[in-house]
Amino acid sequence: MERKQYEVVIKLISNQSPCHVGHKIGQEWVFNYFTPPAMCGLAYNAIYPAALALSVGGTFPWQEDPDVLTLSCPDYEVNNVFELRRRPVK
């Protein structure tokens, strides 16, 4: 059986105060196993397991859309919320 591969786009969709690294709402990065340029390593470390799962077809049953997941960075002062959205690789 052929395994589907997906591209996962990471997008900052909200925060409760300005990010210490300077991320702005609307910024996007593409998941590719390495920390994207100019992305906070701590946030990426928190996102990595979920992005990897989405990239190989994993789902999260508590999400309404199996192709979209939201999660937060570990910085409680900022609380950046990221949307991970996958799309099939052509």
Protein backbone atom coordinates (compact mmCIF):
# COMPACT_ATOMS: atom_id res chain seq x y z
CA MET A 1 0.00 0.00 0.00
CA GLU A 2 1.34 3.39 -1.00
CA ARG A 3 1.65 5.88 1.83
CA LYS A 4 0.27 9.36 1.16
CA GLN A 5 2.57 12.29 1.74
CA TYR A 6 1.36 15.74 2.66
CA GLU A 7 2.87 19.19 2.80
CA VAL A 8 2.16 20.85 6.15
CA VAL A 9 1.93 24.63 6.35
CA ILE A 10 2.40 26.20 9.78
CA LYS A 11 0.67 29.56 10.28
CA LEU A 12 0.60 31.83 13.32
CA ILE A 13 -3.09 32.63 13.83
CA SER A 14 -3.20 34.38 17.23
CA ASN A 15 -1.34 35.33 20.40
CA GLN A 16 -2.14 37.09 23.64
CA SER A 17 0.86 39.45 23.61
CA PRO A 18 3.77 40.28 21.27
CA CYS A 19 6.05 37.32 20.61
CA HIS A 20 9.55 37.52 22.15
CA VAL A 21 11.03 36.28 18.87
CA GLY A 22 9.03 38.77 16.83
CA HIS A 23 6.59 36.44 15.07
CA LYS A 24 3.58 38.23 13.62
CA ILE A 25 0.07 36.87 13.11
CA GLY A 26 -0.23 35.58 9.55
CA GLN A 27 3.39 34.40 9.22
CA GLU A 28 3.72 31.01 7.55
CA TRP A 29 6.36 28.30 7.33
CA VAL A 30 6.45 24.92 5.58
CA PHE A 31 7.29 21.85 7.65
CA ASN A 32 10.37 20.03 6.31
CA TYR A 33 11.89 18.26 9.36
CA PHE A 34 14.29 21.13 10.14
CA THR A 35 13.43 24.35 11.94
CA PRO A 36 12.38 26.82 9.23
CA PRO A 37 14.50 29.96 8.91
CA ALA A 38 13.41 32.71 11.31
CA MET A 39 11.08 30.41 13.29
CA CYS A 40 11.43 30.08 17.04
CA GLY A 41 13.10 26.78 17.87
CA LEU A 42 11.04 26.30 21.04
CA ALA A 43 7.75 26.73 19.18
CA TYR A 44 8.96 24.42 16.42
CA ASN A 45 9.96 21.81 18.99
CA ALA A 46 6.38 21.83 20.32
CA ILE A 47 4.88 21.69 16.81
CA TYR A 48 7.22 19.09 15.32
CA PRO A 49 5.51 15.83 16.50
CA ALA A 50 2.07 16.96 15.29
CA ALA A 51 3.41 18.28 11.98
CA LEU A 52 5.24 15.02 11.38
CA ALA A 53 2.08 13.01 12.09
CA LEU A 54 0.02 15.18 9.73
CA SER A 55 2.67 14.87 7.00
CA VAL A 56 2.27 11.09 6.87
CA GLY A 57 -1.52 10.94 7.17
CA GLY A 58 -2.05 10.97 10.93
CA THR A 59 -5.22 12.45 12.36
CA PHE A 60 -6.28 13.96 15.65
CA PRO A 61 -9.82 12.81 16.52
CA TRP A 62 -10.68 15.90 18.57
CA GLN A 63 -10.24 18.15 15.52
CA GLU A 64 -13.29 18.76 13.29
CA ASP A 65 -11.19 18.83 10.11
CA PRO A 66 -8.64 15.99 9.83
CA ASP A 67 -6.39 18.23 7.71
CA VAL A 68 -6.15 21.06 10.26
CA LEU A 69 -4.74 21.15 13.77
CA THR A 70 -4.25 24.10 16.13
CA LEU A 71 -1.75 24.16 18.97
CA SER A 72 0.21 26.58 21.09
CA CYS A 73 3.85 27.32 21.70
CA PRO A 74 5.10 26.67 25.26
CA ASP A 75 5.68 30.36 26.09
CA TYR A 76 2.80 31.07 28.50
CA GLU A 77 3.42 34.83 28.38
CA VAL A 78 2.84 35.02 24.63
CA ASN A 79 0.68 31.96 23.91
CA ASN A 80 1.26 31.89 20.16
CA VAL A 81 -1.40 29.72 18.53
CA PHE A 82 -0.41 27.98 15.33
CA GLU A 83 -2.57 26.35 12.69
CA LEU A 84 -1.10 23.32 10.95
CA ARG A 85 -2.80 22.65 7.64
CA ARG A 86 -1.89 19.79 5.35
CA ARG A 87 -2.41 19.33 1.65
CA PRO A 88 -1.51 16.37 -0.57
CA VAL A 89 1.89 16.48 -2.27
CA LYS A 90 1.46 16.20 -6.01
